[in-house]
C-alpha atoms as a PDB file:
ATOM      1  CA  MET A   1     -24.742  38.296 -25.846  1.00  0.00           C
ATOM      2  CA  ASP A   2     -28.522  37.724 -25.888  1.00  0.00           C
ATOM      3  CA  ASP A   3     -30.851  39.088 -28.572  1.00  0.00           C
ATOM      4  CA  LEU A   4     -32.073  41.943 -26.385  1.00  0.00           C
ATOM      5  CA  THR A   5     -28.555  43.101 -25.619  1.00  0.00           C
ATOM      6  CA  GLN A   6     -27.643  42.917 -29.312  1.00  0.00           C
ATOM      7  CA  ARG A   7     -30.675  45.005 -30.230  1.00  0.00           C
ATOM      8  CA  ASP A   8     -29.808  47.551 -27.543  1.00  0.00           C
ATOM      9  CA  THR A   9     -26.198  47.750 -28.797  1.00  0.00           C
ATOM     10  CA  ALA A  10     -27.326  48.160 -32.405  1.00  0.00           C
ATOM     11  CA  ALA A  11     -29.825  50.847 -31.390  1.00  0.00           C
ATOM     12  CA  ALA A  12     -27.139  52.715 -29.453  1.00  0.00           C
ATOM     13  CA  ALA A  13     -24.785  52.545 -32.433  1.00  0.00           C
ATOM     14  CA  GLY A  14     -27.538  53.856 -34.684  1.00  0.00           C
ATOM     15  CA  ASP A  15     -28.236  56.671 -32.240  1.00  0.00           C
ATOM     16  CA  ASP A  16     -24.529  57.592 -32.209  1.00  0.00           C
ATOM     17  CA  TYR A  17     -24.504  57.712 -36.000  1.00  0.00           C
ATOM     18  CA  GLN A  18     -27.609  59.882 -36.229  1.00  0.00           C
ATOM     19  CA  HIS A  19     -26.337  62.131 -33.433  1.00  0.00           C
ATOM     20  CA  ALA A  20     -23.053  62.645 -35.291  1.00  0.00           C
ATOM     21  CA  LEU A  21     -24.929  63.517 -38.492  1.00  0.00           C
ATOM     22  CA  ALA A  22     -27.076  65.971 -36.547  1.00  0.00           C
ATOM     23  CA  LYS A  23     -23.896  67.664 -35.289  1.00  0.00           C
ATOM     24  CA  GLY A  24     -22.755  68.279 -38.867  1.00  0.00           C
ATOM     25  CA  PHE A  25     -20.562  65.246 -39.553  1.00  0.00           C
ATOM     26  CA  ARG A  26     -20.791  63.823 -43.074  1.00  0.00           C
ATOM     27  CA  PRO A  27     -20.654  60.200 -44.299  1.00  0.00           C
ATOM     28  CA  ILE A  28     -17.898  59.238 -46.706  1.00  0.00           C
ATOM     29  CA  ARG A  29     -20.174  59.111 -49.759  1.00  0.00           C
ATOM     30  CA  GLU A  30     -21.202  62.736 -49.228  1.00  0.00           C
ATOM     31  CA  VAL A  31     -17.597  63.840 -48.711  1.00  0.00           C
ATOM     32  CA  ALA A  32     -16.668  62.053 -51.940  1.00  0.00           C
ATOM     33  CA  ARG A  33     -19.429  63.937 -53.753  1.00  0.00           C
ATOM     34  CA  LEU A  34     -18.407  67.300 -52.274  1.00  0.00           C
ATOM     35  CA  THR A  35     -14.674  66.979 -52.936  1.00  0.00           C
ATOM     36  CA  GLY A  36     -14.467  64.773 -56.010  1.00  0.00           C
ATOM     37  CA  VAL A  37     -12.175  62.331 -54.139  1.00  0.00           C
ATOM     38  CA  ASN A  38     -13.737  58.893 -54.210  1.00  0.00           C
ATOM     39  CA  ALA A  39     -14.209  56.779 -51.103  1.00  0.00           C
ATOM     40  CA  VAL A  40     -11.492  54.270 -52.074  1.00  0.00           C
ATOM     41  CA  THR A  41      -8.920  57.073 -52.295  1.00  0.00           C
ATOM     42  CA  LEU A  42     -10.039  58.658 -49.016  1.00  0.00           C
ATOM     43  CA  ARG A  43      -9.607  55.321 -47.266  1.00  0.00           C
ATOM     44  CA  ALA A  44      -6.177  54.827 -48.883  1.00  0.00           C
ATOM     45  CA  TRP A  45      -5.039  58.280 -47.716  1.00  0.00           C
ATOM     46  CA  GLU A  46      -6.088  57.352 -44.189  1.00  0.00           C
ATOM     47  CA  ARG A  47      -4.556  53.857 -44.088  1.00  0.00           C
ATOM     48  CA  ARG A  48      -1.296  54.464 -45.940  1.00  0.00           C
ATOM     49  CA  TYR A  49      -0.439  58.039 -45.033  1.00  0.00           C
ATOM     50  CA  GLY A  50      -2.451  59.005 -41.962  1.00  0.00           C
ATOM     51  CA  LEU A  51      -4.141  61.804 -43.877  1.00  0.00           C
ATOM     52  CA  ILE A  52      -7.696  62.800 -42.970  1.00  0.00           C
ATOM     53  CA  VAL A  53      -8.417  60.450 -40.068  1.00  0.00           C
ATOM     54  CA  PRO A  54     -12.215  60.611 -39.631  1.00  0.00           C
ATOM     55  CA  HIS A  55     -14.416  60.048 -36.619  1.00  0.00           C
ATOM     56  CA  ARG A  56     -15.559  56.413 -36.323  1.00  0.00           C
ATOM     57  CA  THR A  57     -18.889  55.209 -35.025  1.00  0.00           C
ATOM     58  CA  PRO A  58     -19.075  52.041 -32.893  1.00  0.00           C
ATOM     59  CA  LYS A  59     -19.974  50.163 -36.084  1.00  0.00           C
ATOM     60  CA  GLY A  60     -16.938  51.561 -37.869  1.00  0.00           C
ATOM     61  CA  HIS A  61     -18.669  54.089 -40.150  1.00  0.00           C
ATOM     62  CA  ARG A  62     -16.388  56.946 -41.142  1.00  0.00           C
ATOM     63  CA  LEU A  63     -17.747  60.435 -40.461  1.00  0.00           C
ATOM     64  CA  TYR A  64     -16.072  63.662 -41.541  1.00  0.00           C
ATOM     65  CA  SER A  65     -16.302  67.172 -40.100  1.00  0.00           C
ATOM     66  CA  ASP A  66     -16.221  70.461 -42.007  1.00  0.00           C
ATOM     67  CA  GLU A  67     -12.574  70.706 -40.957  1.00  0.00           C
ATOM     68  CA  HIS A  68     -11.869  67.354 -42.615  1.00  0.00           C
ATOM     69  CA  VAL A  69     -13.499  68.591 -45.837  1.00  0.00           C
ATOM     70  CA  ALA A  70     -11.367  71.756 -45.719  1.00  0.00           C
ATOM     71  CA  GLN A  71      -8.241  69.615 -45.225  1.00  0.00           C
ATOM     72  CA  ILE A  72      -9.157  67.501 -48.252  1.00  0.00           C
ATOM     73  CA  GLN A  73      -9.490  70.673 -50.340  1.00  0.00           C
ATOM     74  CA  THR A  74      -6.033  71.766 -49.138  1.00  0.00           C
ATOM     75  CA  ILE A  75      -4.593  68.377 -50.065  1.00  0.00           C
ATOM     76  CA  LEU A  76      -6.116  68.689 -53.538  1.00  0.00           C
ATOM     77  CA  THR A  77      -4.475  72.097 -53.911  1.00  0.00           C
ATOM     78  CA  TRP A  78      -1.069  70.559 -53.167  1.00  0.00           C
ATOM     79  CA  LEU A  79      -1.684  67.600 -55.482  1.00  0.00           C
ATOM     80  CA  ASN A  80      -2.695  69.898 -58.345  1.00  0.00           C
ATOM     81  CA  ARG A  81       0.560  71.813 -57.839  1.00  0.00           C
ATOM     82  CA  GLY A  82       2.450  68.620 -58.571  1.00  0.00           C
ATOM     83  CA  VAL A  83       3.148  67.401 -55.041  1.00  0.00           C
ATOM     84  CA  SER A  84       2.877  63.637 -54.532  1.00  0.00           C
ATOM     85  CA  VAL A  85       0.526  62.330 -51.873  1.00  0.00           C
ATOM     86  CA  GLY A  86       3.448  60.955 -49.849  1.00  0.00           C
ATOM     87  CA  GLN A  87       4.773  64.483 -49.321  1.00  0.00           C
ATOM     88  CA  VAL A  88       1.513  66.151 -48.376  1.00  0.00           C
ATOM     89  CA  LYS A  89       1.472  65.337 -44.650  1.00  0.00           C
ATOM     90  CA  GLY A  90       4.860  66.957 -44.098  1.00  0.00           C
ATOM     91  CA  LEU A  91       3.901  69.974 -46.174  1.00  0.00           C
ATOM     92  CA  LEU A  92       0.682  70.450 -44.239  1.00  0.00           C
ATOM     93  CA  ARG A  93       2.672  70.491 -41.004  1.00  0.00           C
ATOM     94  CA  ALA A  94       5.533  72.672 -42.210  1.00  0.00           C
ATOM     95  CA  ASN A  95       3.600  74.657 -44.826  1.00  0.00           C
ATOM     96  CA  GLN A  96       6.713  74.508 -47.012  1.00  0.00           C
ATOM     97  CA  PRO A  97       6.670  73.445 -50.686  1.00  0.00           C
ATOM     98  CA  ALA A  98       9.053  70.945 -52.243  1.00  0.00           C
ATOM     99  CA  PHE A  99       8.328  71.388 -55.923  1.00  0.00           C
ATOM    100  CA  ALA A 100      11.606  70.031 -57.301  1.00  0.00           C
ATOM    101  CA  GLU A 101      11.131  66.731 -55.492  1.00  0.00           C
ATOM    102  CA  ALA A 102       7.469  66.646 -56.454  1.00  0.00           C
ATOM    103  CA  THR A 103       8.220  67.174 -60.132  1.00  0.00           C
ATOM    104  CA  SER A 104      10.841  64.439 -59.981  1.00  0.00           C
ATOM    105  CA  GLN A 105       8.352  61.975 -58.485  1.00  0.00           C
ATOM    106  CA  TRP A 106       5.749  62.661 -61.166  1.00  0.00           C
ATOM    107  CA  ASP A 107       8.454  62.309 -63.817  1.00  0.00           C
ATOM    108  CA  GLU A 108       9.334  58.901 -62.389  1.00  0.00           C
ATOM    109  CA  LYS A 109       5.694  57.813 -62.462  1.00  0.00           C
ATOM    110  CA  CYS A 110       5.437  58.961 -66.081  1.00  0.00           C
ATOM    111  CA  GLN A 111       8.597  57.067 -67.017  1.00  0.00           C
ATOM    112  CA  ARG A 112       7.276  53.867 -65.446  1.00  0.00           C
ATOM    113  CA  LEU A 113       4.100  54.087 -67.513  1.00  0.00           C
ATOM    114  CA  GLN A 114       6.061  54.929 -70.639  1.00  0.00           C
ATOM    115  CA  GLY A 115       8.353  51.946 -70.049  1.00  0.00           C
ATOM    116  CA  ALA A 116       5.355  49.614 -69.832  1.00  0.00           C
ATOM    117  CA  ILE A 117       3.922  51.072 -73.056  1.00  0.00           C
ATOM    118  CA  CYS A 118       7.215  50.770 -74.928  1.00  0.00           C
ATOM    119  CA  ASN A 119       7.393  47.099 -73.961  1.00  0.00           C
ATOM    120  CA  LEU A 120       3.703  46.518 -74.768  1.00  0.00           C
ATOM    121  CA  ALA A 121       3.380  45.186 -71.212  1.00  0.00           C
ATOM    122  CA  GLU A 122      -0.361  45.411 -70.562  1.00  0.00           C
ATOM    123  CA  ARG A 123      -0.309  43.873 -67.082  1.00  0.00           C
ATOM    124  CA  ARG A 124       2.532  46.120 -65.908  1.00  0.00           C
ATOM    125  CA  LEU A 125       0.821  49.178 -67.379  1.00  0.00           C
ATOM    126  CA  ASP A 126      -2.410  48.257 -65.616  1.00  0.00           C
ATOM    127  CA  GLU A 127      -0.684  47.704 -62.273  1.00  0.00           C
ATOM    128  CA  CYS A 128       1.208  51.004 -62.484  1.00  0.00           C
ATOM    129  CA  PHE A 129      -1.927  52.946 -63.325  1.00  0.00           C
ATOM    130  CA  ASN A 130      -4.073  51.187 -60.708  1.00  0.00           C
ATOM    131  CA  SER A 131      -1.581  52.029 -57.964  1.00  0.00           C
ATOM    132  CA  GLU A 132      -1.808  55.731 -58.839  1.00  0.00           C
ATOM    133  CA  LEU A 133      -5.577  55.617 -59.315  1.00  0.00           C
ATOM    134  CA  ALA A 134      -5.977  54.389 -55.745  1.00  0.00           C
ATOM    135  CA  LEU A 135      -4.180  57.480 -54.404  1.00  0.00           C
ATOM    136  CA  TYR A 136      -5.065  60.368 -56.701  1.00  0.00           C
ATOM    137  CA  PRO A 137      -8.347  61.814 -57.971  1.00  0.00           C
ATOM    138  CA  PRO A 138      -8.896  61.800 -61.748  1.00  0.00           C
ATOM    139  CA  HIS A 139      -8.299  65.549 -62.168  1.00  0.00           C
ATOM    140  CA  THR A 140      -4.841  65.291 -60.567  1.00  0.00           C
ATOM    141  CA  LEU A 141      -3.903  62.165 -62.532  1.00  0.00           C
ATOM    142  CA  CYS A 142      -4.954  63.823 -65.776  1.00  0.00           C
ATOM    143  CA  GLN A 143      -3.054  67.037 -65.065  1.00  0.00           C
ATOM    144  CA  GLN A 144       0.110  65.631 -63.532  1.00  0.00           C
ATOM    145  CA  LEU A 145       0.481  62.236 -65.192  1.00  0.00           C
ATOM    146  CA  LEU A 146      -1.652  61.401 -68.218  1.00  0.00           C
ATOM    147  CA  LEU A 147      -1.407  64.646 -70.211  1.00  0.00           C
ATOM    148  CA  PRO A 148       2.394  64.849 -69.700  1.00  0.00           C
ATOM    149  CA  LEU A 149       2.587  61.153 -70.640  1.00  0.00           C
ATOM    150  CA  LEU A 150       0.730  61.806 -73.897  1.00  0.00           C
ATOM    151  CA  GLU A 151       3.101  64.677 -74.726  1.00  0.00           C
ATOM    152  CA  ALA A 152       6.131  62.471 -74.059  1.00  0.00           C
ATOM    153  CA  LEU A 153       4.700  59.681 -76.197  1.00  0.00           C
ATOM    154  CA  GLU A 154       3.961  62.024 -79.104  1.00  0.00           C
ATOM    155  CA  LEU A 155       7.621  63.062 -79.101  1.00  0.00           C
ATOM    156  CA  ARG A 156       8.766  59.446 -78.899  1.00  0.00           C
ATOM    157  CA  TRP A 157       6.493  58.322 -81.733  1.00  0.00           C
ATOM    158  CA  ARG A 158       7.778  60.807 -84.312  1.00  0.00           C
ATOM    159  CA  GLY A 159       9.571  58.694 -86.885  1.00  0.00           C
ATOM    160  CA  GLN A 160      10.112  55.867 -84.402  1.00  0.00           C
ATOM    161  CA  PHE A 161       9.965  52.283 -85.649  1.00  0.00           C
ATOM    162  CA  GLY A 162       7.224  50.484 -83.733  1.00  0.00           C
ATOM    163  CA  ALA A 163       5.385  53.725 -82.968  1.00  0.00           C
ATOM    164  CA  GLN A 164       2.102  52.571 -84.498  1.00  0.00           C
ATOM    165  CA  ALA A 165       2.119  49.330 -82.514  1.00  0.00           C
ATOM    166  CA  GLU A 166       2.758  51.249 -79.283  1.00  0.00           C
ATOM    167  CA  LYS A 167       0.066  53.791 -80.105  1.00  0.00           C
ATOM    168  CA  VAL A 168      -2.584  51.163 -80.891  1.00  0.00           C
ATOM    169  CA  PHE A 169      -1.613  49.211 -77.769  1.00  0.00           C
ATOM    170  CA  PHE A 170      -1.827  52.230 -75.453  1.00  0.00           C
ATOM    171  CA  TYR A 171      -4.911  53.833 -76.969  1.00  0.00           C
ATOM    172  CA  SER A 172      -6.768  50.488 -76.891  1.00  0.00           C
ATOM    173  CA  TRP A 173      -5.834  49.994 -73.246  1.00  0.00           C
ATOM    174  CA  LEU A 174      -6.787  53.555 -72.315  1.00  0.00           C
ATOM    175  CA  ARG A 175     -10.182  53.326 -74.001  1.00  0.00           C
ATOM    176  CA  SER A 176     -10.933  49.995 -72.322  1.00  0.00           C
ATOM    177  CA  LYS A 177      -9.739  51.191 -68.927  1.00  0.00           C
ATOM    178  CA  LEU A 178     -11.583  54.501 -68.897  1.00  0.00           C
ATOM    179  CA  GLY A 179     -14.602  53.098 -70.740  1.00  0.00           C
ATOM    180  CA  ALA A 180     -15.126  50.497 -68.007  1.00  0.00           C
ATOM    181  CA  ARG A 181     -15.056  53.208 -65.342  1.00  0.00           C
ATOM    182  CA  ILE A 182     -17.448  55.404 -67.296  1.00  0.00           C
ATOM    183  CA  TYR A 183     -19.821  52.459 -67.704  1.00  0.00           C
ATOM    184  CA  HIS A 184     -19.715  51.781 -63.960  1.00  0.00           C
ATOM    185  CA  ASN A 185     -20.239  55.461 -63.101  1.00  0.00           C
ATOM    186  CA  ASN A 186     -23.157  55.711 -65.527  1.00  0.00           C
ATOM    187  CA  ARG A 187     -24.965  52.969 -63.612  1.00  0.00           C
ATOM    188  CA  GLN A 188     -24.880  55.230 -60.537  1.00  0.00           C
ATOM    189  CA  GLN A 189     -26.138  58.364 -62.317  1.00  0.00           C
ATOM    190  CA  GLY A 190     -29.606  59.525 -63.224  1.00  0.00           C
ATOM    191  CA  GLY A 191     -30.873  62.232 -65.503  1.00  0.00           C
ATOM    192  CA  ALA A 192     -29.801  63.287 -68.963  1.00  0.00           C
ATOM    193  CA  PRO A 193     -26.236  62.438 -70.038  1.00  0.00           C
ATOM    194  CA  LEU A 194     -23.549  64.462 -71.710  1.00  0.00           C
ATOM    195  CA  LEU A 195     -23.113  63.316 -75.313  1.00  0.00           C
ATOM    196  CA  LEU A 196     -19.449  63.230 -76.318  1.00  0.00           C
ATOM    197  CA  VAL A 197     -18.727  62.680 -80.011  1.00  0.00           C
ATOM    198  CA  ASN A 198     -15.426  62.037 -81.782  1.00  0.00           C
ATOM    199  CA  LEU A 199     -15.433  64.190 -84.925  1.00  0.00           C
ATOM    200  CA  SER A 200     -11.946  63.243 -86.085  1.00  0.00           C
ATOM    201  CA  ASP A 201     -11.106  60.358 -88.402  1.00  0.00           C
ATOM    202  CA  LEU A 202      -8.885  58.859 -85.688  1.00  0.00           C
ATOM    203  CA  PRO A 203     -10.459  56.244 -83.409  1.00  0.00           C
ATOM    204  CA  MET A 204      -9.698  55.894 -79.694  1.00  0.00           C
ATOM    205  CA  GLU A 205      -8.747  59.581 -79.308  1.00  0.00           C
ATOM    206  CA  PRO A 206      -7.138  59.791 -75.831  1.00  0.00           C
ATOM    207  CA  GLY A 207      -8.332  63.373 -75.277  1.00  0.00           C
ATOM    208  CA  LEU A 208     -11.897  62.252 -75.968  1.00  0.00           C
ATOM    209  CA  TRP A 209     -11.711  59.484 -73.389  1.00  0.00           C
ATOM    210  CA  LEU A 210      -9.949  61.650 -70.802  1.00  0.00           C
ATOM    211  CA  THR A 211     -12.713  64.247 -71.165  1.00  0.00           C
ATOM    212  CA  ALA A 212     -15.385  61.580 -70.778  1.00  0.00           C
ATOM    213  CA  TRP A 213     -13.643  60.087 -67.731  1.00  0.00           C
ATOM    214  CA  LEU A 214     -13.223  63.439 -65.990  1.00  0.00           C
ATOM    215  CA  ALA A 215     -16.862  64.388 -66.539  1.00  0.00           C
ATOM    216  CA  SER A 216     -18.046  60.938 -65.464  1.00  0.00           C
ATOM    217  CA  SER A 217     -15.912  61.066 -62.310  1.00  0.00           C
ATOM    218  CA  ALA A 218     -17.366  64.496 -61.508  1.00  0.00           C
ATOM    219  CA  GLY A 219     -20.900  63.146 -61.363  1.00  0.00           C
ATOM    220  CA  ALA A 220     -22.259  63.347 -64.921  1.00  0.00           C
ATOM    221  CA  ALA A 221     -23.614  60.471 -66.967  1.00  0.00           C
ATOM    222  CA  VAL A 222     -21.706  60.340 -70.266  1.00  0.00           C
ATOM    223  CA  ASP A 223     -22.541  58.737 -73.617  1.00  0.00           C
ATOM    224  CA  VAL A 224     -19.542  58.387 -75.960  1.00  0.00           C
ATOM    225  CA  PHE A 225     -19.675  58.088 -79.757  1.00  0.00           C
ATOM    226  CA  ASP A 226     -16.104  57.147 -80.662  1.00  0.00           C
ATOM    227  CA  TRP A 227     -16.534  57.675 -84.387  1.00  0.00           C
ATOM    228  CA  PRO A 228     -17.605  60.656 -86.512  1.00  0.00           C
ATOM    229  CA  VAL A 229     -21.318  61.021 -87.212  1.00  0.00           C
ATOM    230  CA  PRO A 230     -22.761  62.993 -90.173  1.00  0.00           C
ATOM    231  CA  PRO A 231     -24.250  66.323 -89.006  1.00  0.00           C
ATOM    232  CA  ALA A 232     -27.844  65.369 -89.815  1.00  0.00           C
ATOM    233  CA  GLU A 233     -27.537  62.056 -87.966  1.00  0.00           C
ATOM    234  CA  LEU A 234     -25.808  63.775 -85.051  1.00  0.00           C
ATOM    235  CA  ALA A 235     -28.761  66.163 -84.767  1.00  0.00           C
ATOM    236  CA  MET A 236     -31.083  63.139 -84.840  1.00  0.00           C
ATOM    237  CA  ALA A 237     -29.068  61.394 -82.119  1.00  0.00           C
ATOM    238  CA  ALA A 238     -29.158  64.524 -79.954  1.00  0.00           C
ATOM    239  CA  GLU A 239     -32.917  64.718 -80.438  1.00  0.00           C
ATOM    240  CA  HIS A 240     -33.362  61.117 -79.256  1.00  0.00           C
ATOM    241  CA  ILE A 241     -30.895  61.263 -76.350  1.00  0.00           C
ATOM    242  CA  GLN A 242     -31.791  64.799 -75.186  1.00  0.00           C
ATOM    243  CA  PRO A 243     -28.332  65.365 -73.637  1.00  0.00           C
ATOM    244  CA  LYS A 244     -27.510  68.074 -71.108  1.00  0.00           C
ATOM    245  CA  ALA A 245     -24.751  69.184 -73.469  1.00  0.00           C
ATOM    246  CA  LEU A 246     -23.130  68.094 -76.714  1.00  0.00           C
ATOM    247  CA  LEU A 247     -19.335  67.794 -76.594  1.00  0.00           C
ATOM    248  CA  LEU A 248     -17.548  67.613 -79.940  1.00  0.00           C
ATOM    249  CA  TYR A 249     -13.944  66.427 -79.772  1.00  0.00           C
ATOM    250  CA  SER A 250     -11.420  66.531 -82.604  1.00  0.00           C
ATOM    251  CA  SER A 251      -7.651  66.560 -82.903  1.00  0.00           C
ATOM    252  CA  GLN A 252      -7.983  67.428 -86.604  1.00  0.00           C
ATOM    253  CA  ALA A 253      -9.522  70.195 -88.689  1.00  0.00           C
ATOM    254  CA  LEU A 254     -13.308  69.955 -88.575  1.00  0.00           C
ATOM    255  CA  ASN A 255     -15.146  68.667 -91.633  1.00  0.00           C
ATOM    256  CA  SER A 256     -16.741  71.593 -93.451  1.00  0.00           C
ATOM    257  CA  ALA A 257     -20.114  69.798 -93.317  1.00  0.00           C
ATOM    258  CA  HIS A 258     -20.325  70.520 -89.572  1.00  0.00           C
ATOM    259  CA  TRP A 259     -20.016  74.304 -89.819  1.00  0.00           C
ATOM    260  CA  PRO A 260     -23.629  75.096 -90.854  1.00  0.00           C
ATOM    261  CA  ARG A 261     -24.913  72.983 -87.972  1.00  0.00           C
ATOM    262  CA  LEU A 262     -22.570  74.684 -85.493  1.00  0.00           C
ATOM    263  CA  GLN A 263     -23.725  78.045 -86.773  1.00  0.00           C
ATOM    264  CA  ALA A 264     -27.399  77.108 -86.451  1.00  0.00           C
ATOM    265  CA  GLY A 265     -26.832  75.652 -83.005  1.00  0.00           C
ATOM    266  CA  TYR A 266     -28.247  72.676 -81.159  1.00  0.00           C
ATOM    267  CA  ALA A 267     -31.061  72.475 -78.634  1.00  0.00           C
ATOM    268  CA  CYS A 268     -28.510  72.159 -75.824  1.00  0.00           C
ATOM    269  CA  PRO A 269     -25.149  73.772 -74.964  1.00  0.00           C
ATOM    270  CA  CYS A 270     -22.387  72.688 -77.358  1.00  0.00           C
ATOM    271  CA  LEU A 271     -18.674  72.572 -76.597  1.00  0.00           C
ATOM    272  CA  VAL A 272     -15.908  72.049 -79.168  1.00  0.00           C
ATOM    273  CA  ILE A 273     -12.871  70.401 -77.535  1.00  0.00           C
ATOM    274  CA  GLY A 274      -9.330  69.515 -78.547  1.00  0.00           C
ATOM    275  CA  PRO A 275      -6.698  70.681 -81.046  1.00  0.00           C
ATOM    276  CA  ALA A 276      -9.474  71.597 -83.486  1.00  0.00           C
ATOM    277  CA  VAL A 277     -10.029  74.653 -81.270  1.00  0.00           C
ATOM    278  CA  HIS A 278      -6.500  75.866 -82.067  1.00  0.00           C
ATOM    279  CA  ILE A 279      -6.967  75.105 -85.752  1.00  0.00           C
ATOM    280  CA  HIS A 280     -10.269  76.999 -86.022  1.00  0.00           C
ATOM    281  CA  GLN A 281      -9.702  79.617 -83.330  1.00  0.00           C
ATOM    282  CA  GLN A 282     -10.915  82.602 -85.346  1.00  0.00           C
ATOM    283  CA  GLU A 283     -13.951  80.897 -86.878  1.00  0.00           C
ATOM    284  CA  LEU A 284     -15.086  79.486 -83.529  1.00  0.00           C
ATOM    285  CA  GLN A 285     -14.611  82.800 -81.754  1.00  0.00           C
ATOM    286  CA  ALA A 286     -16.802  84.452 -84.374  1.00  0.00           C
ATOM    287  CA  LEU A 287     -19.489  81.820 -83.842  1.00  0.00           C
ATOM    288  CA  THR A 288     -19.408  82.122 -80.059  1.00  0.00           C
ATOM    289  CA  ARG A 289     -19.995  85.878 -80.291  1.00  0.00           C
ATOM    290  CA  HIS A 290     -23.357  85.170 -81.941  1.00  0.00           C
ATOM    291  CA  ASN A 291     -24.206  81.939 -80.114  1.00  0.00           C
ATOM    292  CA  SER A 292     -23.828  81.972 -76.325  1.00  0.00           C
ATOM    293  CA  ALA A 293     -24.652  78.229 -76.201  1.00  0.00           C
ATOM    294  CA  LEU A 294     -21.414  77.394 -78.066  1.00  0.00           C
ATOM    295  CA  GLY A 295     -18.117  77.124 -76.188  1.00  0.00           C
ATOM    296  CA  MET A 296     -14.505  76.089 -76.749  1.00  0.00           C
ATOM    297  CA  ALA A 297     -12.076  74.058 -74.641  1.00  0.00           C
ATOM    298  CA  HIS A 298      -8.488  73.365 -75.647  1.00  0.00           C
ATOM    299  CA  ASP A 299      -8.078  70.231 -73.508  1.00  0.00           C
ATOM    300  CA  PRO A 300      -9.956  67.884 -71.151  1.00  0.00           C
ATOM    301  CA  LEU A 301      -9.160  69.945 -68.037  1.00  0.00           C
ATOM    302  CA  SER A 302     -10.507  73.187 -69.475  1.00  0.00           C
ATOM    303  CA  ALA A 303     -13.572  71.286 -70.755  1.00  0.00           C
ATOM    304  CA  LEU A 304     -14.223  70.050 -67.214  1.00  0.00           C
ATOM    305  CA  GLN A 305     -13.974  73.597 -65.871  1.00  0.00           C
ATOM    306  CA  ILE A 306     -16.465  74.898 -68.439  1.00  0.00           C
ATOM    307  CA  LEU A 307     -18.903  72.087 -67.639  1.00  0.00           C
ATOM    308  CA  SER A 308     -18.583  72.944 -63.945  1.00  0.00           C
ATOM    309  CA  ASP A 309     -19.166  76.655 -64.641  1.00  0.00           C
ATOM    310  CA  LEU A 310     -22.320  75.721 -66.572  1.00  0.00           C
ATOM    311  CA  ASN A 311     -23.521  73.612 -63.599  1.00  0.00           C
ATOM    312  CA  LEU A 312     -23.597  70.480 -65.753  1.00  0.00           C
ATOM    313  CA  LEU A 313     -21.732  68.380 -63.169  1.00  0.00           C
ATOM    314  CA  ASP A 314     -23.135  67.009 -59.934  1.00  0.00           C
ATOM    315  CA  SER A 315     -19.976  67.543 -57.879  1.00  0.00           C
ATOM    316  CA  PRO A 316     -17.312  70.277 -57.816  1.00  0.00           C
END
């Protein structure tokens, strides 16, 4: 093929691409932003399960219609009900649920992760999690796998010999794994970040890192302080960083030194997250009645919903 023919072919391919966009088709990056399902997962759904097969340009670019986007939203509805991705195609055709089988499959996934943690098998844990991460969006993994896993581990670790070793192993892995993804996502984001601060005396709080990961995956830049900061220094940090919102996570009772600052408020919306919300339910409710910029979230999923309602995320 001579140079002229190559240029003509490339121009025709470009025209096809622009024509498809003009007709309302969307590139994969935009679909990922609209749905919260990243491009790697969309491609895996297509290759492995025949879900959401997009239009292809002569150069191989994937383009999605409004119908494709609606189908992705339907798939997310099934996944958030506990259905595994392998079952979705049949359910979309038959419109019949199979919740018992779905629950069993998620239980099996949880048991595989728990087995790797109990054996302190970092490579096996990483491989198990990576295989699920390629198929499921973060919200689904958090709801169906990671939060149930944490509950199961808490039960296992009560009075169990070796519990501390398992806990340190898993929490260290989780922080490294999610921290790397947050770092990568932050490089793609602009604008002011969310500032997420650990107010408990416990390092590597899994709920803290799950919250940060969910928000980061939903399009927000996130700065994480994984250690308590004195109230005056926290106010100083917020003044320097100018975050979109201040997220305070704790699995313990809040230090009394933080109450005057919470009552006075910060220059940005503030959200208290974690078991501390249960512990201080009445006090926090009283504060929120007088301070509309203060909110409460019992867990990472409810925190994500509040951030979305406040339009602090770049994707739904």
